[in-house]
Amino acid sequence: MGHGLESSQFFCRPRRTSPKLGEAQASQALDPVLRQIGKTDDYGALKALARALQALPIKLGEAQASQALVLVLKQIGKAGHP
């Protein structure tokens, strides 16, 4: 997409250091994480939020996953790479 980032630089396997969330809790956490992604143009914050999104133990539907990816990439484009 021309953002100058390799996916491995931004997205990586999250570390599991917190207690596991149940599916209901993870679903409740999804919308606030996506809202914060849409509000920030700080690269470091976006990186942390993308990792938080990856760490949620839920399966996104194809439309949800696509929407989340587009949102993250849009905000990365605004933030630029440090």
Protein backbone atom coordinates (compact mmCIF):
# COMPACT_ATOMS: atom_id res chain seq x y z
CA MET A 1 0.00 0.00 0.00
CA GLY A 2 3.01 2.28 -0.16
CA HIS A 3 3.24 3.16 3.52
CA GLY A 4 6.94 2.31 3.65
CA LEU A 5 6.37 -0.34 6.32
CA GLU A 6 6.81 -4.03 6.22
CA SER A 7 4.03 -5.82 8.05
CA SER A 8 6.61 -7.44 10.33
CA GLN A 9 7.70 -3.98 11.52
CA PHE A 10 4.24 -3.01 12.68
CA PHE A 11 2.35 -6.20 13.32
CA CYS A 12 4.02 -8.87 15.37
CA ARG A 13 2.92 -11.67 17.59
CA PRO A 14 1.55 -10.11 20.78
CA ARG A 15 2.96 -11.13 24.13
CA ARG A 16 0.43 -12.74 26.41
CA THR A 17 1.20 -11.22 29.78
CA SER A 18 -2.31 -10.39 30.92
CA PRO A 19 -5.08 -12.72 32.03
CA LYS A 20 -7.10 -14.25 29.25
CA LEU A 21 -10.31 -12.47 28.39
CA GLY A 22 -13.47 -14.34 27.74
CA GLU A 23 -15.13 -13.94 24.35
CA ALA A 24 -17.75 -11.55 25.75
CA GLN A 25 -15.08 -9.35 27.38
CA ALA A 26 -12.99 -9.38 24.23
CA SER A 27 -16.00 -8.38 22.13
CA GLN A 28 -16.65 -5.48 24.50
CA ALA A 29 -13.03 -4.36 24.18
CA LEU A 30 -13.04 -4.43 20.37
CA ASP A 31 -15.06 -1.26 19.72
CA PRO A 32 -13.08 0.98 22.10
CA VAL A 33 -9.78 -0.24 20.61
CA LEU A 34 -11.05 0.49 17.08
CA ARG A 35 -12.32 3.93 18.16
CA GLN A 36 -8.91 4.79 19.62
CA ILE A 37 -7.18 3.62 16.45
CA GLY A 38 -9.41 5.98 14.47
CA LYS A 39 -8.59 8.90 16.77
CA THR A 40 -4.81 8.72 16.92
CA ASP A 41 -2.12 9.59 14.45
CA ASP A 42 0.75 8.81 16.82
CA TYR A 43 2.79 5.95 15.38
CA GLY A 44 3.73 4.45 18.75
CA ALA A 45 0.14 4.53 19.98
CA LEU A 46 -1.08 2.96 16.74
CA LYS A 47 1.47 0.20 17.10
CA ALA A 48 0.32 -0.51 20.66
CA LEU A 49 -3.35 -0.43 19.66
CA ALA A 50 -2.73 -2.78 16.72
CA ARG A 51 -1.04 -5.20 19.10
CA ALA A 52 -3.97 -4.88 21.51
CA LEU A 53 -6.32 -5.67 18.64
CA GLN A 54 -4.27 -8.76 17.73
CA ALA A 55 -4.26 -9.92 21.34
CA LEU A 56 -8.04 -9.98 21.63
CA PRO A 57 -9.12 -13.62 21.63
CA ILE A 58 -11.95 -13.23 19.15
CA LYS A 59 -12.44 -14.24 15.57
CA LEU A 60 -13.35 -11.29 13.40
CA GLY A 61 -15.62 -11.84 10.47
CA GLU A 62 -14.22 -11.02 7.04
CA ALA A 63 -15.97 -7.63 6.97
CA GLN A 64 -14.80 -6.74 10.50
CA ALA A 65 -11.22 -7.76 9.79
CA SER A 66 -11.19 -5.79 6.55
CA GLN A 67 -12.63 -2.73 8.28
CA ALA A 68 -10.05 -2.93 11.07
CA LEU A 69 -7.16 -3.33 8.62
CA VAL A 70 -8.31 -0.40 6.47
CA LEU A 71 -8.65 1.77 9.57
CA VAL A 72 -5.18 0.88 10.87
CA LEU A 73 -3.55 1.43 7.48
CA LYS A 74 -5.35 4.76 7.02
CA GLN A 75 -4.11 5.99 10.38
CA ILE A 76 -0.57 4.74 9.69
CA GLY A 77 -0.63 6.80 6.52
CA LYS A 78 -1.56 9.87 8.55
CA ALA A 79 1.03 9.19 11.23
CA GLY A 80 3.94 8.31 8.99
CA HIS A 81 6.85 6.21 10.15
CA PRO A 82 9.23 7.67 12.74
